[in-house]
Amino acid sequence: MPPTGEIFDPALIIFAALAVFICWKLRSVLGVRIDRDALPPAHFNPGPIAAAPVRPMAKPRPQPEQDGAERWRGVAEKDSAGWRGLDEIAKAEPNFDGA
């Protein structure tokens, strides 16, 4: 913007007034402590928590034995690497059903 020869440009006066207003408002707010900074008093004390009764874990039910020809039907092709892999997993983890 070329100089107009005026000492104070109207836009400069508006922005300066805006800056003064913002600084005045921030100064009145920042650094002021309020009562909510402290923790609220504890009105409720639940006391000791009772331990839950210990229940024994249920044993896994036995899986019906299926022969290798029927066990993985619909999951993998017979005599494929997937079929053999599922057999190996089932040997290592008896509860594995592959479904």
PDB file of N, CA and C in Angstrom:
ATOM      1  N   MET A   1       0.851  -1.157   0.000  1.00  0.00           N
ATOM      2  CA  MET A   1       0.000   0.000   0.000  1.00  0.00           C
ATOM      3  C   MET A   1       0.904   1.228   0.000  1.00  0.00           C
ATOM      4  N   PRO A   2       0.741   2.084  -0.957  1.00  0.00           N
ATOM      5  CA  PRO A   2       1.619   3.257  -1.029  1.00  0.00           C
ATOM      6  C   PRO A   2       1.311   4.230   0.103  1.00  0.00           C
ATOM      7  N   PRO A   3       2.320   4.931   0.569  1.00  0.00           N
ATOM      8  CA  PRO A   3       2.075   5.899   1.644  1.00  0.00           C
ATOM      9  C   PRO A   3       1.168   7.020   1.145  1.00  0.00           C
ATOM     10  N   THR A   4       0.211   7.397   1.965  1.00  0.00           N
ATOM     11  CA  THR A   4      -0.742   8.440   1.580  1.00  0.00           C
ATOM     12  C   THR A   4      -0.357   9.790   2.153  1.00  0.00           C
ATOM     13  N   GLY A   5       0.660   9.805   2.957  1.00  0.00           N
ATOM     14  CA  GLY A   5       1.078  11.058   3.550  1.00  0.00           C
ATOM     15  C   GLY A   5       0.416  11.299   4.894  1.00  0.00           C
ATOM     16  N   GLU A   6      -0.548  10.432   5.282  1.00  0.00           N
ATOM     17  CA  GLU A   6      -1.183  10.577   6.581  1.00  0.00           C
ATOM     18  C   GLU A   6      -0.286   9.951   7.642  1.00  0.00           C
ATOM     19  N   ILE A   7      -0.297  10.522   8.787  1.00  0.00           N
ATOM     20  CA  ILE A   7       0.515   9.983   9.880  1.00  0.00           C
ATOM     21  C   ILE A   7      -0.120   8.709  10.411  1.00  0.00           C
ATOM     22  N   PHE A   8      -1.427   8.718  10.574  1.00  0.00           N
ATOM     23  CA  PHE A   8      -2.140   7.556  11.098  1.00  0.00           C
ATOM     24  C   PHE A   8      -3.130   7.063  10.056  1.00  0.00           C
ATOM     25  N   ASP A   9      -2.881   5.892   9.588  1.00  0.00           N
ATOM     26  CA  ASP A   9      -3.783   5.260   8.633  1.00  0.00           C
ATOM     27  C   ASP A   9      -5.013   4.757   9.401  1.00  0.00           C
ATOM     28  N   PRO A  10      -6.229   4.868   8.884  1.00  0.00           N
ATOM     29  CA  PRO A  10      -7.419   4.398   9.615  1.00  0.00           C
ATOM     30  C   PRO A  10      -7.359   2.898   9.938  1.00  0.00           C
ATOM     31  N   ALA A  11      -6.821   2.093   9.030  1.00  0.00           N
ATOM     32  CA  ALA A  11      -6.714   0.659   9.304  1.00  0.00           C
ATOM     33  C   ALA A  11      -5.761   0.412  10.464  1.00  0.00           C
ATOM     34  N   LEU A  12      -4.686   1.187  10.534  1.00  0.00           N
ATOM     35  CA  LEU A  12      -3.728   1.053  11.623  1.00  0.00           C
ATOM     36  C   LEU A  12      -4.390   1.376  12.957  1.00  0.00           C
ATOM     37  N   ILE A  13      -5.213   2.385  12.984  1.00  0.00           N
ATOM     38  CA  ILE A  13      -5.904   2.767  14.216  1.00  0.00           C
ATOM     39  C   ILE A  13      -6.873   1.667  14.648  1.00  0.00           C
ATOM     40  N   ILE A  14      -7.586   1.080  13.699  1.00  0.00           N
ATOM     41  CA  ILE A  14      -8.544   0.015  14.022  1.00  0.00           C
ATOM     42  C   ILE A  14      -7.810  -1.204  14.574  1.00  0.00           C
ATOM     43  N   PHE A  15      -6.727  -1.627  13.915  1.00  0.00           N
ATOM     44  CA  PHE A  15      -5.982  -2.794  14.384  1.00  0.00           C
ATOM     45  C   PHE A  15      -5.300  -2.529  15.720  1.00  0.00           C
ATOM     46  N   ALA A  16      -4.818  -1.328  15.944  1.00  0.00           N
ATOM     47  CA  ALA A  16      -4.198  -0.989  17.226  1.00  0.00           C
ATOM     48  C   ALA A  16      -5.235  -1.035  18.341  1.00  0.00           C
ATOM     49  N   ALA A  17      -6.430  -0.519  18.082  1.00  0.00           N
ATOM     50  CA  ALA A  17      -7.495  -0.559  19.087  1.00  0.00           C
ATOM     51  C   ALA A  17      -7.902  -1.998  19.382  1.00  0.00           C
ATOM     52  N   LEU A  18      -7.972  -2.814  18.356  1.00  0.00           N
ATOM     53  CA  LEU A  18      -8.308  -4.225  18.538  1.00  0.00           C
ATOM     54  C   LEU A  18      -7.242  -4.932  19.362  1.00  0.00           C
ATOM     55  N   ALA A  19      -5.971  -4.657  19.105  1.00  0.00           N
ATOM     56  CA  ALA A  19      -4.879  -5.268  19.857  1.00  0.00           C
ATOM     57  C   ALA A  19      -4.911  -4.837  21.317  1.00  0.00           C
ATOM     58  N   VAL A  20      -5.184  -3.575  21.572  1.00  0.00           N
ATOM     59  CA  VAL A  20      -5.275  -3.085  22.956  1.00  0.00           C
ATOM     60  C   VAL A  20      -6.433  -3.763  23.678  1.00  0.00           C
ATOM     61  N   PHE A  21      -7.575  -3.901  23.008  1.00  0.00           N
ATOM     62  CA  PHE A  21      -8.734  -4.548  23.621  1.00  0.00           C
ATOM     63  C   PHE A  21      -8.431  -6.008  23.964  1.00  0.00           C
ATOM     64  N   ILE A  22      -7.798  -6.727  23.039  1.00  0.00           N
ATOM     65  CA  ILE A  22      -7.470  -8.136  23.279  1.00  0.00           C
ATOM     66  C   ILE A  22      -6.482  -8.267  24.426  1.00  0.00           C
ATOM     67  N   CYS A  23      -5.457  -7.439  24.459  1.00  0.00           N
ATOM     68  CA  CYS A  23      -4.477  -7.488  25.552  1.00  0.00           C
ATOM     69  C   CYS A  23      -5.142  -7.170  26.884  1.00  0.00           C
ATOM     70  N   TRP A  24      -6.059  -6.202  26.894  1.00  0.00           N
ATOM     71  CA  TRP A  24      -6.753  -5.826  28.128  1.00  0.00           C
ATOM     72  C   TRP A  24      -7.598  -6.991  28.646  1.00  0.00           C
ATOM     73  N   LYS A  25      -8.314  -7.680  27.748  1.00  0.00           N
ATOM     74  CA  LYS A  25      -9.145  -8.811  28.157  1.00  0.00           C
ATOM     75  C   LYS A  25      -8.289  -9.990  28.621  1.00  0.00           C
ATOM     76  N   LEU A  26      -7.212 -10.279  27.916  1.00  0.00           N
ATOM     77  CA  LEU A  26      -6.348 -11.382  28.316  1.00  0.00           C
ATOM     78  C   LEU A  26      -5.696 -11.113  29.663  1.00  0.00           C
ATOM     79  N   ARG A  27      -5.292  -9.888  29.894  1.00  0.00           N
ATOM     80  CA  ARG A  27      -4.636  -9.563  31.161  1.00  0.00           C
ATOM     81  C   ARG A  27      -5.610  -9.702  32.323  1.00  0.00           C
ATOM     82  N   SER A  28      -6.881  -9.418  32.091  1.00  0.00           N
ATOM     83  CA  SER A  28      -7.859  -9.539  33.170  1.00  0.00           C
ATOM     84  C   SER A  28      -8.206 -10.997  33.469  1.00  0.00           C
ATOM     85  N   VAL A  29      -7.917 -11.899  32.530  1.00  0.00           N
ATOM     86  CA  VAL A  29      -8.277 -13.304  32.716  1.00  0.00           C
ATOM     87  C   VAL A  29      -7.072 -14.162  33.079  1.00  0.00           C
ATOM     88  N   LEU A  30      -5.963 -13.982  32.397  1.00  0.00           N
ATOM     89  CA  LEU A  30      -4.808 -14.845  32.612  1.00  0.00           C
ATOM     90  C   LEU A  30      -4.177 -14.572  33.963  1.00  0.00           C
ATOM     91  N   GLY A  31      -3.779 -15.647  34.624  1.00  0.00           N
ATOM     92  CA  GLY A  31      -3.125 -15.517  35.905  1.00  0.00           C
ATOM     93  C   GLY A  31      -4.087 -15.439  37.067  1.00  0.00           C
ATOM     94  N   VAL A  32      -5.374 -15.444  36.815  1.00  0.00           N
ATOM     95  CA  VAL A  32      -6.359 -15.395  37.891  1.00  0.00           C
ATOM     96  C   VAL A  32      -6.645 -16.822  38.327  1.00  0.00           C
ATOM     97  N   ARG A  33      -6.487 -17.083  39.618  1.00  0.00           N
ATOM     98  CA  ARG A  33      -6.764 -18.421  40.134  1.00  0.00           C
ATOM     99  C   ARG A  33      -8.219 -18.488  40.559  1.00  0.00           C
ATOM    100  N   ILE A  34      -8.803 -19.620  40.313  1.00  0.00           N
ATOM    101  CA  ILE A  34     -10.182 -19.818  40.733  1.00  0.00           C
ATOM    102  C   ILE A  34     -10.212 -20.952  41.734  1.00  0.00           C
ATOM    103  N   ASP A  35     -11.287 -21.098  42.458  1.00  0.00           N
ATOM    104  CA  ASP A  35     -11.388 -22.111  43.500  1.00  0.00           C
ATOM    105  C   ASP A  35     -11.428 -23.526  42.945  1.00  0.00           C
ATOM    106  N   ARG A  36     -11.729 -23.666  41.687  1.00  0.00           N
ATOM    107  CA  ARG A  36     -11.828 -25.007  41.113  1.00  0.00           C
ATOM    108  C   ARG A  36     -10.467 -25.646  40.883  1.00  0.00           C
ATOM    109  N   ASP A  37      -9.374 -24.934  41.160  1.00  0.00           N
ATOM    110  CA  ASP A  37      -8.050 -25.521  40.991  1.00  0.00           C
ATOM    111  C   ASP A  37      -7.778 -26.588  42.042  1.00  0.00           C
ATOM    112  N   ALA A  38      -8.355 -26.455  43.230  1.00  0.00           N
ATOM    113  CA  ALA A  38      -8.143 -27.428  44.296  1.00  0.00           C
ATOM    114  C   ALA A  38      -9.039 -28.641  44.055  1.00  0.00           C
ATOM    115  N   LEU A  39      -8.616 -29.792  44.573  1.00  0.00           N
ATOM    116  CA  LEU A  39      -9.416 -30.999  44.428  1.00  0.00           C
ATOM    117  C   LEU A  39     -10.676 -30.887  45.279  1.00  0.00           C
ATOM    118  N   PRO A  40     -11.792 -31.362  44.792  1.00  0.00           N
ATOM    119  CA  PRO A  40     -13.013 -31.305  45.590  1.00  0.00           C
ATOM    120  C   PRO A  40     -12.904 -32.272  46.774  1.00  0.00           C
ATOM    121  N   PRO A  41     -13.558 -31.963  47.876  1.00  0.00           N
ATOM    122  CA  PRO A  41     -13.492 -32.870  49.022  1.00  0.00           C
ATOM    123  C   PRO A  41     -14.202 -34.177  48.692  1.00  0.00           C
ATOM    124  N   ALA A  42     -13.686 -35.250  49.248  1.00  0.00           N
ATOM    125  CA  ALA A  42     -14.265 -36.568  48.999  1.00  0.00           C
ATOM    126  C   ALA A  42     -15.443 -36.766  49.945  1.00  0.00           C
ATOM    127  N   HIS A  43     -16.654 -36.754  49.415  1.00  0.00           N
ATOM    128  CA  HIS A  43     -17.852 -36.940  50.234  1.00  0.00           C
ATOM    129  C   HIS A  43     -18.194 -38.417  50.370  1.00  0.00           C
ATOM    130  N   PHE A  44     -17.675 -39.235  49.492  1.00  0.00           N
ATOM    131  CA  PHE A  44     -18.017 -40.651  49.497  1.00  0.00           C
ATOM    132  C   PHE A  44     -16.761 -41.471  49.687  1.00  0.00           C
ATOM    133  N   ASN A  45     -16.751 -42.298  50.687  1.00  0.00           N
ATOM    134  CA  ASN A  45     -15.627 -43.195  50.934  1.00  0.00           C
ATOM    135  C   ASN A  45     -16.171 -44.613  50.885  1.00  0.00           C
ATOM    136  N   PRO A  46     -15.872 -45.372  49.845  1.00  0.00           N
ATOM    137  CA  PRO A  46     -16.474 -46.691  49.708  1.00  0.00           C
ATOM    138  C   PRO A  46     -15.968 -47.712  50.721  1.00  0.00           C
ATOM    139  N   GLY A  47     -14.836 -47.450  51.347  1.00  0.00           N
ATOM    140  CA  GLY A  47     -14.292 -48.409  52.293  1.00  0.00           C
ATOM    141  C   GLY A  47     -13.595 -49.547  51.568  1.00  0.00           C
ATOM    142  N   PRO A  48     -13.237 -50.583  52.307  1.00  0.00           N
ATOM    143  CA  PRO A  48     -12.528 -51.696  51.655  1.00  0.00           C
ATOM    144  C   PRO A  48     -13.460 -52.454  50.708  1.00  0.00           C
ATOM    145  N   ILE A  49     -12.899 -52.905  49.647  1.00  0.00           N
ATOM    146  CA  ILE A  49     -13.662 -53.640  48.641  1.00  0.00           C
ATOM    147  C   ILE A  49     -13.599 -55.125  48.976  1.00  0.00           C
ATOM    148  N   ALA A  50     -14.755 -55.753  49.020  1.00  0.00           N
ATOM    149  CA  ALA A  50     -14.812 -57.177  49.334  1.00  0.00           C
ATOM    150  C   ALA A  50     -14.313 -57.980  48.145  1.00  0.00           C
ATOM    151  N   ALA A  51     -13.575 -59.019  48.441  1.00  0.00           N
ATOM    152  CA  ALA A  51     -13.045 -59.878  47.381  1.00  0.00           C
ATOM    153  C   ALA A  51     -14.159 -60.758  46.833  1.00  0.00           C
ATOM    154  N   ALA A  52     -14.158 -60.941  45.553  1.00  0.00           N
ATOM    155  CA  ALA A  52     -15.148 -61.801  44.916  1.00  0.00           C
ATOM    156  C   ALA A  52     -14.811 -63.256  45.218  1.00  0.00           C
ATOM    157  N   PRO A  53     -15.830 -64.082  45.357  1.00  0.00           N
ATOM    158  CA  PRO A  53     -15.541 -65.495  45.618  1.00  0.00           C
ATOM    159  C   PRO A  53     -14.841 -66.133  44.419  1.00  0.00           C
ATOM    160  N   VAL A  54     -13.938 -67.019  44.724  1.00  0.00           N
ATOM    161  CA  VAL A  54     -13.169 -67.685  43.675  1.00  0.00           C
ATOM    162  C   VAL A  54     -13.963 -68.879  43.176  1.00  0.00           C
ATOM    163  N   ARG A  55     -14.221 -68.884  41.879  1.00  0.00           N
ATOM    164  CA  ARG A  55     -14.922 -70.014  41.282  1.00  0.00           C
ATOM    165  C   ARG A  55     -13.924 -70.832  40.480  1.00  0.00           C
ATOM    166  N   PRO A  56     -13.977 -72.128  40.606  1.00  0.00           N
ATOM    167  CA  PRO A  56     -13.043 -72.940  39.813  1.00  0.00           C
ATOM    168  C   PRO A  56     -13.396 -72.851  38.334  1.00  0.00           C
ATOM    169  N   MET A  57     -12.372 -72.891  37.522  1.00  0.00           N
ATOM    170  CA  MET A  57     -12.590 -72.833  36.077  1.00  0.00           C
ATOM    171  C   MET A  57     -13.164 -74.151  35.585  1.00  0.00           C
ATOM    172  N   ALA A  58     -14.084 -74.044  34.658  1.00  0.00           N
ATOM    173  CA  ALA A  58     -14.676 -75.249  34.089  1.00  0.00           C
ATOM    174  C   ALA A  58     -13.661 -75.942  33.192  1.00  0.00           C
ATOM    175  N   LYS A  59     -13.638 -77.236  33.276  1.00  0.00           N
ATOM    176  CA  LYS A  59     -12.733 -78.001  32.421  1.00  0.00           C
ATOM    177  C   LYS A  59     -13.332 -78.061  31.020  1.00  0.00           C
ATOM    178  N   PRO A  60     -12.485 -78.018  30.019  1.00  0.00           N
ATOM    179  CA  PRO A  60     -13.020 -78.093  28.653  1.00  0.00           C
ATOM    180  C   PRO A  60     -13.671 -79.446  28.412  1.00  0.00           C
ATOM    181  N   ARG A  61     -14.799 -79.402  27.746  1.00  0.00           N
ATOM    182  CA  ARG A  61     -15.479 -80.660  27.465  1.00  0.00           C
ATOM    183  C   ARG A  61     -14.735 -81.402  26.361  1.00  0.00           C
ATOM    184  N   PRO A  62     -14.731 -82.676  26.441  1.00  0.00           N
ATOM    185  CA  PRO A  62     -13.987 -83.439  25.428  1.00  0.00           C
ATOM    186  C   PRO A  62     -14.636 -83.291  24.052  1.00  0.00           C
ATOM    187  N   GLN A  63     -13.799 -83.124  23.079  1.00  0.00           N
ATOM    188  CA  GLN A  63     -14.264 -83.004  21.705  1.00  0.00           C
ATOM    189  C   GLN A  63     -14.439 -84.404  21.121  1.00  0.00           C
ATOM    190  N   PRO A  64     -15.507 -84.594  20.387  1.00  0.00           N
ATOM    191  CA  PRO A  64     -15.660 -85.911  19.757  1.00  0.00           C
ATOM    192  C   PRO A  64     -14.552 -86.121  18.726  1.00  0.00           C
ATOM    193  N   GLU A  65     -13.976 -87.269  18.784  1.00  0.00           N
ATOM    194  CA  GLU A  65     -12.890 -87.582  17.849  1.00  0.00           C
ATOM    195  C   GLU A  65     -13.479 -87.822  16.459  1.00  0.00           C
ATOM    196  N   GLN A  66     -12.889 -87.189  15.502  1.00  0.00           N
ATOM    197  CA  GLN A  66     -13.288 -87.392  14.117  1.00  0.00           C
ATOM    198  C   GLN A  66     -12.070 -87.916  13.376  1.00  0.00           C
ATOM    199  N   ASP A  67     -12.332 -88.754  12.439  1.00  0.00           N
ATOM    200  CA  ASP A  67     -11.192 -89.239  11.664  1.00  0.00           C
ATOM    201  C   ASP A  67     -10.688 -88.117  10.763  1.00  0.00           C
ATOM    202  N   GLY A  68      -9.477 -88.245  10.310  1.00  0.00           N
ATOM    203  CA  GLY A  68      -8.841 -87.204   9.520  1.00  0.00           C
ATOM    204  C   GLY A  68      -9.569 -86.895   8.228  1.00  0.00           C
ATOM    205  N   ALA A  69     -10.322 -87.851   7.698  1.00  0.00           N
ATOM    206  CA  ALA A  69     -10.989 -87.641   6.416  1.00  0.00           C
ATOM    207  C   ALA A  69     -12.164 -86.671   6.545  1.00  0.00           C
ATOM    208  N   GLU A  70     -12.798 -86.611   7.699  1.00  0.00           N
ATOM    209  CA  GLU A  70     -13.987 -85.781   7.867  1.00  0.00           C
ATOM    210  C   GLU A  70     -13.731 -84.520   8.687  1.00  0.00           C
ATOM    211  N   ARG A  71     -12.645 -84.474   9.401  1.00  0.00           N
ATOM    212  CA  ARG A  71     -12.438 -83.402  10.374  1.00  0.00           C
ATOM    213  C   ARG A  71     -12.367 -82.016   9.742  1.00  0.00           C
ATOM    214  N   TRP A  72     -11.670 -81.854   8.641  1.00  0.00           N
ATOM    215  CA  TRP A  72     -11.458 -80.528   8.048  1.00  0.00           C
ATOM    216  C   TRP A  72     -12.253 -80.314   6.771  1.00  0.00           C
ATOM    217  N   ARG A  73     -13.280 -81.137   6.532  1.00  0.00           N
ATOM    218  CA  ARG A  73     -14.096 -80.981   5.335  1.00  0.00           C
ATOM    219  C   ARG A  73     -14.788 -79.620   5.381  1.00  0.00           C
ATOM    220  N   GLY A  74     -14.727 -78.892   4.288  1.00  0.00           N
ATOM    221  CA  GLY A  74     -15.312 -77.566   4.207  1.00  0.00           C
ATOM    222  C   GLY A  74     -14.370 -76.466   4.673  1.00  0.00           C
ATOM    223  N   VAL A  75     -13.239 -76.847   5.251  1.00  0.00           N
ATOM    224  CA  VAL A  75     -12.264 -75.864   5.713  1.00  0.00           C
ATOM    225  C   VAL A  75     -11.046 -75.867   4.801  1.00  0.00           C
ATOM    226  N   ALA A  76     -10.576 -77.048   4.457  1.00  0.00           N
ATOM    227  CA  ALA A  76      -9.400 -77.170   3.592  1.00  0.00           C
ATOM    228  C   ALA A  76      -9.586 -78.375   2.679  1.00  0.00           C
ATOM    229  N   GLU A  77      -8.836 -78.391   1.600  1.00  0.00           N
ATOM    230  CA  GLU A  77      -8.901 -79.520   0.671  1.00  0.00           C
ATOM    231  C   GLU A  77      -8.116 -80.694   1.243  1.00  0.00           C
ATOM    232  N   LYS A  78      -8.624 -81.876   0.995  1.00  0.00           N
ATOM    233  CA  LYS A  78      -7.987 -83.076   1.524  1.00  0.00           C
ATOM    234  C   LYS A  78      -6.592 -83.231   0.926  1.00  0.00           C
ATOM    235  N   ASP A  79      -5.651 -83.644   1.774  1.00  0.00           N
ATOM    236  CA  ASP A  79      -4.241 -83.879   1.425  1.00  0.00           C
ATOM    237  C   ASP A  79      -3.538 -82.617   0.929  1.00  0.00           C
ATOM    238  N   SER A  80      -3.999 -81.453   1.340  1.00  0.00           N
ATOM    239  CA  SER A  80      -3.310 -80.216   0.974  1.00  0.00           C
ATOM    240  C   SER A  80      -2.438 -79.770   2.148  1.00  0.00           C
ATOM    241  N   ALA A  81      -1.626 -78.745   1.898  1.00  0.00           N
ATOM    242  CA  ALA A  81      -0.773 -78.216   2.966  1.00  0.00           C
ATOM    243  C   ALA A  81      -1.636 -77.629   4.084  1.00  0.00           C
ATOM    244  N   GLY A  82      -2.759 -77.036   3.725  1.00  0.00           N
ATOM    245  CA  GLY A  82      -3.659 -76.488   4.739  1.00  0.00           C
ATOM    246  C   GLY A  82      -4.237 -77.570   5.629  1.00  0.00           C
ATOM    247  N   TRP A  83      -4.588 -78.701   5.020  1.00  0.00           N
ATOM    248  CA  TRP A  83      -5.131 -79.837   5.770  1.00  0.00           C
ATOM    249  C   TRP A  83      -4.096 -80.356   6.765  1.00  0.00           C
ATOM    250  N   ARG A  84      -2.862 -80.519   6.282  1.00  0.00           N
ATOM    251  CA  ARG A  84      -1.794 -81.012   7.169  1.00  0.00           C
ATOM    252  C   ARG A  84      -1.480 -79.994   8.265  1.00  0.00           C
ATOM    253  N   GLY A  85      -1.528 -78.699   7.925  1.00  0.00           N
ATOM    254  CA  GLY A  85      -1.287 -77.671   8.935  1.00  0.00           C
ATOM    255  C   GLY A  85      -2.353 -77.679  10.021  1.00  0.00           C
ATOM    256  N   LEU A  86      -3.605 -77.865   9.609  1.00  0.00           N
ATOM    257  CA  LEU A  86      -4.681 -77.937  10.595  1.00  0.00           C
ATOM    258  C   LEU A  86      -4.535 -79.165  11.482  1.00  0.00           C
ATOM    259  N   ASP A  87      -4.083 -80.277  10.910  1.00  0.00           N
ATOM    260  CA  ASP A  87      -3.834 -81.472  11.722  1.00  0.00           C
ATOM    261  C   ASP A  87      -2.740 -81.219  12.751  1.00  0.00           C
ATOM    262  N   GLU A  88      -1.679 -80.527  12.355  1.00  0.00           N
ATOM    263  CA  GLU A  88      -0.581 -80.228  13.283  1.00  0.00           C
ATOM    264  C   GLU A  88      -1.049 -79.294  14.403  1.00  0.00           C
ATOM    265  N   ILE A  89      -1.852 -78.308  14.041  1.00  0.00           N
ATOM    266  CA  ILE A  89      -2.378 -77.398  15.064  1.00  0.00           C
ATOM    267  C   ILE A  89      -3.275 -78.166  16.028  1.00  0.00           C
ATOM    268  N   ALA A  90      -4.122 -79.053  15.508  1.00  0.00           N
ATOM    269  CA  ALA A  90      -5.021 -79.826  16.359  1.00  0.00           C
ATOM    270  C   ALA A  90      -4.245 -80.760  17.279  1.00  0.00           C
ATOM    271  N   LYS A  91      -3.095 -81.266  16.831  1.00  0.00           N
ATOM    272  CA  LYS A  91      -2.269 -82.105  17.705  1.00  0.00           C
ATOM    273  C   LYS A  91      -1.684 -81.279  18.846  1.00  0.00           C
ATOM    274  N   ALA A  92      -1.274 -80.046  18.543  1.00  0.00           N
ATOM    275  CA  ALA A  92      -0.661 -79.196  19.565  1.00  0.00           C
ATOM    276  C   ALA A  92      -1.709 -78.614  20.513  1.00  0.00           C
ATOM    277  N   GLU A  93      -2.880 -78.301  19.999  1.00  0.00           N
ATOM    278  CA  GLU A  93      -3.943 -77.693  20.816  1.00  0.00           C
ATOM    279  C   GLU A  93      -5.206 -78.525  20.656  1.00  0.00           C
ATOM    280  N   PRO A  94      -5.519 -79.386  21.618  1.00  0.00           N
ATOM    281  CA  PRO A  94      -6.666 -80.287  21.471  1.00  0.00           C
ATOM    282  C   PRO A  94      -8.013 -79.573  21.346  1.00  0.00           C
ATOM    283  N   ASN A  95      -8.146 -78.360  21.864  1.00  0.00           N
ATOM    284  CA  ASN A  95      -9.428 -77.658  21.792  1.00  0.00           C
ATOM    285  C   ASN A  95      -9.631 -76.914  20.478  1.00  0.00           C
ATOM    286  N   PHE A  96      -8.679 -76.965  19.572  1.00  0.00           N
ATOM    287  CA  PHE A  96      -8.780 -76.267  18.295  1.00  0.00           C
ATOM    288  C   PHE A  96      -9.789 -76.978  17.415  1.00  0.00           C
ATOM    289  N   ASP A  97     -10.774 -76.210  16.897  1.00  0.00           N
ATOM    290  CA  ASP A  97     -11.774 -76.843  16.040  1.00  0.00           C
ATOM    291  C   ASP A  97     -11.668 -76.415  14.582  1.00  0.00           C
ATOM    292  N   GLY A  98     -10.902 -75.385  14.274  1.00  0.00           N
ATOM    293  CA  GLY A  98     -10.662 -74.995  12.897  1.00  0.00           C
ATOM    294  C   GLY A  98     -11.794 -74.243  12.236  1.00  0.00           C
ATOM    295  N   ALA A  99     -12.900 -74.089  12.895  1.00  0.00           N
ATOM    296  CA  ALA A  99     -14.018 -73.363  12.290  1.00  0.00           C
ATOM    297  C   ALA A  99     -13.831 -71.930  12.588  1.00  0.00           C
TER     298      ALA A  99
END
